[in-house]
Each structure stands twice: as structure tokens, then as C-alpha cells.
Amino acid sequence: MTLEIDTGTGLMPVHLWEPSSGTGPAILLLQEIFGVSDYIKQRAADLAALGYFVLAPEIYWRLDETELDESAPDLLERALAVVGRLDWDTAVWDSVAALEYLRGRDEGVATVGFCFGGGLAYNVAAVSRPDALVSYYGSALPGLLDLEVDAVSLHHFGDSDAYLTTDVVDQIVKTVDGPENEIYRYPDAGHAFDNPMPAFHHAAASALAWERTTAFLSHHLPPERGSR
């Protein structure tokens, strides 16, 4: 389902997946640099099947770049060009507007983000305090470590990530670690290892990280919470 929500400065297109139960907590799902791609839509469907309302906003909507050709040989270059034109602070507040839309359901909400969305989810968690945060290899994290995130959080990193090197991840880990937080590193996995594109995908790391993600969400934001 596609609808629009009011950001205060315009109507942002968002995609919504509902659980079969019709009730339950919500997840704000934030895209990679490739937009709300088939991969992101599949992850949204996976989460909805677990019992969550899932909302994925079109973060590029102000740039009129909501649909990137996923079959284009220069997809990565095009995506990098688009994200280079994006105003980060505006993207954060657009995401917060989406989070507040979900919070209005009063059944709990988590933020989940991949790559670009992993950093965006972290920033959103710092300013809007969801119940939980899941960040997959958040590419913007090195520049966000001065922010304070109170939400319990789960972070995934690949040890062969060319964008977030081992030294950088070490620094991130020192900053984001906490009593209830979970941080995992995956040997031989590179950046975007959960993405099914052959250039990125690491099957073993993807499967294990997803198992940990669903367990984390089930513990901190159980789907049955909404029906009680």
C-alpha cells in the first residue's frame, strides 16, 4: 500500500505493509542509497510477516528520484549522485515525521535501517527516541558519534567492509556499546552484505544477521504487544 504523510513542508510518499493480525507494533524501515528497492520491499514484507506494521518512506521524494533503475549497470554511480544531492538534516526530519505517524498508533515503534538508512535510523533515534534501533553497517555513523541514542540498539558490521574499515568500526563500537545493546561483526562479509545483489551479498552473514535481528525485535518489541 502506498500513501502520503504530511511532513509539515509537503506530502511524502510512503509504503505500508500491514501484518495479517491487523494489529501490532510498528517499524520505520529506512532504505539504502538505492531507494525503496525490491530488496527493501522484501525486507518490509518479511517484517510484516512477523507481525509488524512496516513503513518505508521515499527519502528521495524531494529530489524526484524515488525510482532508480535497479537493472542499470551504473546503478551504484547513479545512487551515489542522488544521495550526494540530498540534504541530510531534511532527510532526518522527514524520517522523524514518518516515525511520529507510526507512534500515533501507540503500539510501540522501532527504527531499522540498511547502509545509508542505518546511519539515518541512528540519527532519527537520537532525536525522536523509538523503542529500539537496528542498524546494518550504517555508512554515516562515523560522523554521528557525538549524538546520544538512548534506545536499545543492535548493530551489524562486516569485517571486510571497504567503506567502514576495521579501525572505523572499532571506534563506532566503543561509542555505541551499552548494557543492553548488541553488536555483531561478520568475518569476510563486506558492505551491504544483506543485499541480495551478487556484488554485495554474503549468504551466511545475511542469514545470521537476520536471525539476530528478528530475535532482537521479538525481545524488545514483541509483535503480540499490540494485541494486549
C-alpha atoms as a PDB file:
ATOM      1  CA  MET A   1       0.000   0.000   0.000  1.00  0.00           C
ATOM      2  CA  THR A   2       1.274   3.481  -0.883  1.00  0.00           C
ATOM      3  CA  LEU A   3       0.091   6.650   0.831  1.00  0.00           C
ATOM      4  CA  GLU A   4       1.330  10.125   1.714  1.00  0.00           C
ATOM      5  CA  ILE A   5       2.075  11.641   5.096  1.00  0.00           C
ATOM      6  CA  ASP A   6       2.396  15.302   5.989  1.00  0.00           C
ATOM      7  CA  THR A   7       5.959  16.312   6.864  1.00  0.00           C
ATOM      8  CA  GLY A   8       4.949  19.877   7.614  1.00  0.00           C
ATOM      9  CA  THR A   9       6.562  21.062   4.386  1.00  0.00           C
ATOM     10  CA  GLY A  10       4.939  18.718   1.906  1.00  0.00           C
ATOM     11  CA  LEU A  11       3.432  15.273   1.419  1.00  0.00           C
ATOM     12  CA  MET A  12       5.961  12.436   1.440  1.00  0.00           C
ATOM     13  CA  PRO A  13       5.134   9.147  -0.319  1.00  0.00           C
ATOM     14  CA  VAL A  14       5.492   6.114   1.936  1.00  0.00           C
ATOM     15  CA  HIS A  15       4.926   2.397   1.542  1.00  0.00           C
ATOM     16  CA  LEU A  16       2.993   0.485   4.194  1.00  0.00           C
ATOM     17  CA  TRP A  17       2.857  -3.228   4.938  1.00  0.00           C
ATOM     18  CA  GLU A  18       0.321  -4.498   7.463  1.00  0.00           C
ATOM     19  CA  PRO A  19       0.515  -7.711   9.498  1.00  0.00           C
ATOM     20  CA  SER A  20      -2.183 -10.299   8.963  1.00  0.00           C
ATOM     21  CA  SER A  21      -3.404  -9.773  12.529  1.00  0.00           C
ATOM     22  CA  GLY A  22      -4.252  -6.150  11.782  1.00  0.00           C
ATOM     23  CA  THR A  23      -2.575  -5.042  14.999  1.00  0.00           C
ATOM     24  CA  GLY A  24       0.906  -4.864  16.450  1.00  0.00           C
ATOM     25  CA  PRO A  25       3.912  -2.597  16.947  1.00  0.00           C
ATOM     26  CA  ALA A  26       5.476  -0.709  14.059  1.00  0.00           C
ATOM     27  CA  ILE A  27       8.801  -0.468  12.290  1.00  0.00           C
ATOM     28  CA  LEU A  28      10.162   2.513  10.402  1.00  0.00           C
ATOM     29  CA  LEU A  29      12.264   0.910   7.670  1.00  0.00           C
ATOM     30  CA  LEU A  30      14.897   3.191   6.128  1.00  0.00           C
ATOM     31  CA  GLN A  31      16.321   2.493   2.700  1.00  0.00           C
ATOM     32  CA  GLU A  32      19.787   2.003   1.294  1.00  0.00           C
ATOM     33  CA  ILE A  33      21.097   4.547  -1.212  1.00  0.00           C
ATOM     34  CA  PHE A  34      19.225   2.615  -3.921  1.00  0.00           C
ATOM     35  CA  GLY A  35      15.878   3.840  -2.590  1.00  0.00           C
ATOM     36  CA  VAL A  36      12.883   1.728  -1.641  1.00  0.00           C
ATOM     37  CA  SER A  37      14.135  -1.074  -3.874  1.00  0.00           C
ATOM     38  CA  ASP A  38      12.771  -4.573  -4.385  1.00  0.00           C
ATOM     39  CA  TYR A  39      15.193  -5.697  -1.673  1.00  0.00           C
ATOM     40  CA  ILE A  40      13.867  -3.176   0.864  1.00  0.00           C
ATOM     41  CA  LYS A  41      10.304  -4.112  -0.061  1.00  0.00           C
ATOM     42  CA  GLN A  42      11.130  -7.767   0.552  1.00  0.00           C
ATOM     43  CA  ARG A  43      12.585  -6.998   3.970  1.00  0.00           C
ATOM     44  CA  ALA A  44       9.457  -4.979   4.753  1.00  0.00           C
ATOM     45  CA  ALA A  45       7.295  -7.955   3.778  1.00  0.00           C
ATOM     46  CA  ASP A  46       9.485 -10.215   5.943  1.00  0.00           C
ATOM     47  CA  LEU A  47       8.932  -7.970   8.943  1.00  0.00           C
ATOM     48  CA  ALA A  48       5.197  -7.696   8.302  1.00  0.00           C
ATOM     49  CA  ALA A  49       5.023 -11.496   8.226  1.00  0.00           C
ATOM     50  CA  LEU A  50       6.462 -11.465  11.756  1.00  0.00           C
ATOM     51  CA  GLY A  51       3.578  -9.295  12.944  1.00  0.00           C
ATOM     52  CA  TYR A  52       4.771  -5.699  12.462  1.00  0.00           C
ATOM     53  CA  PHE A  53       3.323  -2.695  10.715  1.00  0.00           C
ATOM     54  CA  VAL A  54       6.155  -1.534   8.450  1.00  0.00           C
ATOM     55  CA  LEU A  55       6.516   1.907   6.902  1.00  0.00           C
ATOM     56  CA  ALA A  56       9.220   2.678   4.325  1.00  0.00           C
ATOM     57  CA  PRO A  57       9.341   6.349   3.322  1.00  0.00           C
ATOM     58  CA  GLU A  58      10.645   7.546  -0.034  1.00  0.00           C
ATOM     59  CA  ILE A  59      13.551   9.552   1.354  1.00  0.00           C
ATOM     60  CA  TYR A  60      14.444  10.918  -2.106  1.00  0.00           C
ATOM     61  CA  TRP A  61      10.956  12.315  -2.710  1.00  0.00           C
ATOM     62  CA  ARG A  62      12.093  15.951  -2.665  1.00  0.00           C
ATOM     63  CA  LEU A  63      14.615  15.146  -5.406  1.00  0.00           C
ATOM     64  CA  ASP A  64      12.070  13.459  -7.704  1.00  0.00           C
ATOM     65  CA  GLU A  65      14.317  10.388  -7.654  1.00  0.00           C
ATOM     66  CA  THR A  66      12.094   7.819  -5.997  1.00  0.00           C
ATOM     67  CA  GLU A  67      12.627   5.170  -8.680  1.00  0.00           C
ATOM     68  CA  LEU A  68      16.172   4.193  -9.629  1.00  0.00           C
ATOM     69  CA  ASP A  69      16.555   1.604 -12.375  1.00  0.00           C
ATOM     70  CA  GLU A  70      17.797  -1.421 -10.442  1.00  0.00           C
ATOM     71  CA  SER A  71      18.950  -3.103 -13.660  1.00  0.00           C
ATOM     72  CA  ALA A  72      21.162  -0.197 -14.754  1.00  0.00           C
ATOM     73  CA  PRO A  73      24.868  -1.160 -14.974  1.00  0.00           C
ATOM     74  CA  ASP A  74      25.777   2.170 -13.375  1.00  0.00           C
ATOM     75  CA  LEU A  75      23.215   1.879 -10.559  1.00  0.00           C
ATOM     76  CA  LEU A  76      25.772   2.497  -7.810  1.00  0.00           C
ATOM     77  CA  GLU A  77      27.138   5.622  -9.507  1.00  0.00           C
ATOM     78  CA  ARG A  78      23.620   6.959 -10.060  1.00  0.00           C
ATOM     79  CA  ALA A  79      22.639   6.270  -6.473  1.00  0.00           C
ATOM     80  CA  LEU A  80      25.748   7.976  -5.127  1.00  0.00           C
ATOM     81  CA  ALA A  81      24.973  11.008  -7.292  1.00  0.00           C
ATOM     82  CA  VAL A  82      21.433  11.175  -5.917  1.00  0.00           C
ATOM     83  CA  VAL A  83      22.429  10.818  -2.283  1.00  0.00           C
ATOM     84  CA  GLY A  84      25.067  13.481  -2.866  1.00  0.00           C
ATOM     85  CA  ARG A  85      22.258  15.950  -3.594  1.00  0.00           C
ATOM     86  CA  LEU A  86      20.265  15.007  -0.514  1.00  0.00           C
ATOM     87  CA  ASP A  87      20.088  17.377   2.438  1.00  0.00           C
ATOM     88  CA  TRP A  88      20.842  15.174   5.438  1.00  0.00           C
ATOM     89  CA  ASP A  89      19.017  17.233   8.056  1.00  0.00           C
ATOM     90  CA  THR A  90      15.885  17.362   5.925  1.00  0.00           C
ATOM     91  CA  ALA A  91      16.062  13.591   5.429  1.00  0.00           C
ATOM     92  CA  VAL A  92      16.277  13.161   9.207  1.00  0.00           C
ATOM     93  CA  TRP A  93      13.205  15.280   9.860  1.00  0.00           C
ATOM     94  CA  ASP A  94      11.241  13.652   7.062  1.00  0.00           C
ATOM     95  CA  SER A  95      12.065  10.320   8.716  1.00  0.00           C
ATOM     96  CA  VAL A  96      11.028  11.672  12.102  1.00  0.00           C
ATOM     97  CA  ALA A  97       7.680  12.695  10.594  1.00  0.00           C
ATOM     98  CA  ALA A  98       7.238   9.089   9.451  1.00  0.00           C
ATOM     99  CA  LEU A  99       8.183   7.826  12.900  1.00  0.00           C
ATOM    100  CA  GLU A 100       5.689  10.144  14.566  1.00  0.00           C
ATOM    101  CA  TYR A 101       2.999   8.914  12.177  1.00  0.00           C
ATOM    102  CA  LEU A 102       3.680   5.384  13.413  1.00  0.00           C
ATOM    103  CA  ARG A 103       3.960   6.468  17.032  1.00  0.00           C
ATOM    104  CA  GLY A 104       0.403   7.756  16.761  1.00  0.00           C
ATOM    105  CA  ARG A 105      -0.725   4.130  16.697  1.00  0.00           C
ATOM    106  CA  ASP A 106       0.511   3.871  20.309  1.00  0.00           C
ATOM    107  CA  GLU A 107       1.727   0.280  19.991  1.00  0.00           C
ATOM    108  CA  GLY A 108       5.489   0.826  20.052  1.00  0.00           C
ATOM    109  CA  VAL A 109       7.886   1.574  17.212  1.00  0.00           C
ATOM    110  CA  ALA A 110      11.435   0.632  16.191  1.00  0.00           C
ATOM    111  CA  THR A 111      13.707   2.024  13.506  1.00  0.00           C
ATOM    112  CA  VAL A 112      15.516  -0.364  11.161  1.00  0.00           C
ATOM    113  CA  GLY A 113      17.941   0.885   8.521  1.00  0.00           C
ATOM    114  CA  PHE A 114      20.388  -0.505   5.995  1.00  0.00           C
ATOM    115  CA  CYS A 115      23.619   1.226   4.875  1.00  0.00           C
ATOM    116  CA  PHE A 116      22.579   4.855   4.250  1.00  0.00           C
ATOM    117  CA  GLY A 117      19.416   4.060   6.186  1.00  0.00           C
ATOM    118  CA  GLY A 118      21.443   2.551   9.018  1.00  0.00           C
ATOM    119  CA  GLY A 119      23.031   5.903   9.751  1.00  0.00           C
ATOM    120  CA  LEU A 120      19.759   7.722   9.174  1.00  0.00           C
ATOM    121  CA  ALA A 121      17.993   5.406  11.630  1.00  0.00           C
ATOM    122  CA  TYR A 122      20.667   6.158  14.223  1.00  0.00           C
ATOM    123  CA  ASN A 123      20.195   9.914  13.797  1.00  0.00           C
ATOM    124  CA  VAL A 124      16.416   9.552  13.981  1.00  0.00           C
ATOM    125  CA  ALA A 125      16.762   7.505  17.171  1.00  0.00           C
ATOM    126  CA  ALA A 126      18.879  10.277  18.688  1.00  0.00           C
ATOM    127  CA  VAL A 127      16.228  12.950  18.142  1.00  0.00           C
ATOM    128  CA  SER A 128      12.971  11.006  18.420  1.00  0.00           C
ATOM    129  CA  ARG A 129      13.630   8.072  20.799  1.00  0.00           C
ATOM    130  CA  PRO A 130      11.999   4.953  19.354  1.00  0.00           C
ATOM    131  CA  ASP A 131      11.687   1.817  21.467  1.00  0.00           C
ATOM    132  CA  ALA A 132      14.513   0.068  19.607  1.00  0.00           C
ATOM    133  CA  LEU A 133      17.033   0.602  16.800  1.00  0.00           C
ATOM    134  CA  VAL A 134      18.543  -1.841  14.318  1.00  0.00           C
ATOM    135  CA  SER A 135      21.361  -0.516  12.129  1.00  0.00           C
ATOM    136  CA  TYR A 136      23.023  -2.529   9.401  1.00  0.00           C
ATOM    137  CA  TYR A 137      26.506  -1.150   8.589  1.00  0.00           C
ATOM    138  CA  GLY A 138      25.374   2.456   8.930  1.00  0.00           C
ATOM    139  CA  SER A 139      27.603   4.317   6.487  1.00  0.00           C
ATOM    140  CA  ALA A 140      27.066   7.716   8.123  1.00  0.00           C
ATOM    141  CA  LEU A 141      27.810   6.519  11.661  1.00  0.00           C
ATOM    142  CA  PRO A 142      31.395   7.849  11.813  1.00  0.00           C
ATOM    143  CA  GLY A 143      30.038  11.403  11.579  1.00  0.00           C
ATOM    144  CA  LEU A 144      27.205  10.849  14.061  1.00  0.00           C
ATOM    145  CA  LEU A 145      29.026   9.559  17.115  1.00  0.00           C
ATOM    146  CA  ASP A 146      28.519  12.783  19.055  1.00  0.00           C
ATOM    147  CA  LEU A 147      24.782  12.050  19.144  1.00  0.00           C
ATOM    148  CA  GLU A 148      23.255  10.282  22.132  1.00  0.00           C
ATOM    149  CA  VAL A 149      20.943   7.361  21.416  1.00  0.00           C
ATOM    150  CA  ASP A 150      19.006   6.054  24.414  1.00  0.00           C
ATOM    151  CA  ALA A 151      17.091   3.360  22.544  1.00  0.00           C
ATOM    152  CA  VAL A 152      18.315  -0.184  22.928  1.00  0.00           C
ATOM    153  CA  SER A 153      20.168  -0.944  19.715  1.00  0.00           C
ATOM    154  CA  LEU A 154      21.531  -3.692  17.501  1.00  0.00           C
ATOM    155  CA  HIS A 155      24.399  -3.086  15.059  1.00  0.00           C
ATOM    156  CA  HIS A 156      25.759  -5.314  12.297  1.00  0.00           C
ATOM    157  CA  PHE A 157      29.139  -4.819  10.581  1.00  0.00           C
ATOM    158  CA  GLY A 158      31.122  -6.790   8.033  1.00  0.00           C
ATOM    159  CA  ASP A 159      34.814  -7.232   8.803  1.00  0.00           C
ATOM    160  CA  SER A 160      35.679  -6.832   5.106  1.00  0.00           C
ATOM    161  CA  ASP A 161      33.738  -3.590   4.646  1.00  0.00           C
ATOM    162  CA  ALA A 162      35.635  -1.280   2.279  1.00  0.00           C
ATOM    163  CA  TYR A 163      33.613   1.759   3.424  1.00  0.00           C
ATOM    164  CA  LEU A 164      33.724   1.153   7.172  1.00  0.00           C
ATOM    165  CA  THR A 165      37.225  -0.136   7.817  1.00  0.00           C
ATOM    166  CA  THR A 166      38.152  -2.184  10.873  1.00  0.00           C
ATOM    167  CA  ASP A 167      39.613   0.842  12.685  1.00  0.00           C
ATOM    168  CA  VAL A 168      36.486   2.883  11.985  1.00  0.00           C
ATOM    169  CA  VAL A 169      34.203   0.109  13.198  1.00  0.00           C
ATOM    170  CA  ASP A 170      36.325  -0.247  16.337  1.00  0.00           C
ATOM    171  CA  GLN A 171      35.660   3.412  17.108  1.00  0.00           C
ATOM    172  CA  ILE A 172      31.944   3.056  16.375  1.00  0.00           C
ATOM    173  CA  VAL A 173      31.712   0.031  18.647  1.00  0.00           C
ATOM    174  CA  LYS A 174      33.333   1.901  21.538  1.00  0.00           C
ATOM    175  CA  THR A 175      30.741   4.650  21.187  1.00  0.00           C
ATOM    176  CA  VAL A 176      27.547   2.679  20.627  1.00  0.00           C
ATOM    177  CA  ASP A 177      28.178  -0.156  23.074  1.00  0.00           C
ATOM    178  CA  GLY A 178      25.820  -0.292  26.045  1.00  0.00           C
ATOM    179  CA  PRO A 179      24.387  -2.668  28.664  1.00  0.00           C
ATOM    180  CA  GLU A 180      21.525  -3.973  26.501  1.00  0.00           C
ATOM    181  CA  ASN A 181      22.941  -3.158  23.107  1.00  0.00           C
ATOM    182  CA  GLU A 182      24.082  -5.898  20.744  1.00  0.00           C
ATOM    183  CA  ILE A 183      26.944  -5.509  18.268  1.00  0.00           C
ATOM    184  CA  TYR A 184      27.993  -8.182  15.800  1.00  0.00           C
ATOM    185  CA  ARG A 185      30.822  -8.390  13.297  1.00  0.00           C
ATOM    186  CA  TYR A 186      30.880 -10.865  10.442  1.00  0.00           C
ATOM    187  CA  PRO A 187      34.160 -12.310   9.102  1.00  0.00           C
ATOM    188  CA  ASP A 188      34.657 -11.992   5.337  1.00  0.00           C
ATOM    189  CA  ALA A 189      31.431 -10.016   4.895  1.00  0.00           C
ATOM    190  CA  GLY A 190      31.673  -6.703   3.069  1.00  0.00           C
ATOM    191  CA  HIS A 191      29.481  -3.625   2.979  1.00  0.00           C
ATOM    192  CA  ALA A 192      25.780  -4.217   2.209  1.00  0.00           C
ATOM    193  CA  PHE A 193      26.198  -7.944   2.847  1.00  0.00           C
ATOM    194  CA  ASP A 194      22.448  -8.360   3.387  1.00  0.00           C
ATOM    195  CA  ASN A 195      21.627  -7.011  -0.088  1.00  0.00           C
ATOM    196  CA  PRO A 196      20.955  -9.930  -2.479  1.00  0.00           C
ATOM    197  CA  MET A 197      22.839  -8.294  -5.360  1.00  0.00           C
ATOM    198  CA  PRO A 198      25.747 -10.638  -6.214  1.00  0.00           C
ATOM    199  CA  ALA A 199      28.253  -7.804  -5.862  1.00  0.00           C
ATOM    200  CA  PHE A 200      27.341  -7.401  -2.173  1.00  0.00           C
ATOM    201  CA  HIS A 201      25.636 -10.497  -0.823  1.00  0.00           C
ATOM    202  CA  HIS A 202      27.221 -12.743   1.788  1.00  0.00           C
ATOM    203  CA  ALA A 203      24.711 -15.542   2.356  1.00  0.00           C
ATOM    204  CA  ALA A 204      25.954 -16.789   5.724  1.00  0.00           C
ATOM    205  CA  ALA A 205      26.307 -13.312   7.245  1.00  0.00           C
ATOM    206  CA  SER A 206      22.933 -12.244   5.851  1.00  0.00           C
ATOM    207  CA  ALA A 207      21.125 -15.249   7.313  1.00  0.00           C
ATOM    208  CA  LEU A 208      22.761 -14.969  10.730  1.00  0.00           C
ATOM    209  CA  ALA A 209      22.257 -11.204  10.958  1.00  0.00           C
ATOM    210  CA  TRP A 210      18.590 -11.555  10.060  1.00  0.00           C
ATOM    211  CA  GLU A 211      18.122 -14.279  12.661  1.00  0.00           C
ATOM    212  CA  ARG A 212      19.667 -11.958  15.250  1.00  0.00           C
ATOM    213  CA  THR A 213      17.565  -9.036  14.047  1.00  0.00           C
ATOM    214  CA  THR A 214      14.280 -10.876  14.369  1.00  0.00           C
ATOM    215  CA  ALA A 215      15.240 -12.225  17.798  1.00  0.00           C
ATOM    216  CA  PHE A 216      16.227  -8.736  18.968  1.00  0.00           C
ATOM    217  CA  LEU A 217      12.981  -7.186  17.752  1.00  0.00           C
ATOM    218  CA  SER A 218      10.925 -10.017  19.202  1.00  0.00           C
ATOM    219  CA  HIS A 219      12.553  -9.465  22.592  1.00  0.00           C
ATOM    220  CA  HIS A 220      12.391  -5.670  22.751  1.00  0.00           C
ATOM    221  CA  LEU A 221       9.259  -5.038  20.669  1.00  0.00           C
ATOM    222  CA  PRO A 222       7.299  -8.316  20.626  1.00  0.00           C
ATOM    223  CA  PRO A 223       4.621  -8.498  17.924  1.00  0.00           C
ATOM    224  CA  GLU A 224       1.977  -9.653  20.410  1.00  0.00           C
ATOM    225  CA  ARG A 225       2.466  -6.395  22.315  1.00  0.00           C
ATOM    226  CA  GLY A 226      -0.100  -4.689  20.112  1.00  0.00           C
ATOM    227  CA  SER A 227      -2.877  -7.176  20.902  1.00  0.00           C
ATOM    228  CA  ARG A 228      -2.632  -6.989  24.654  1.00  0.00           C
END
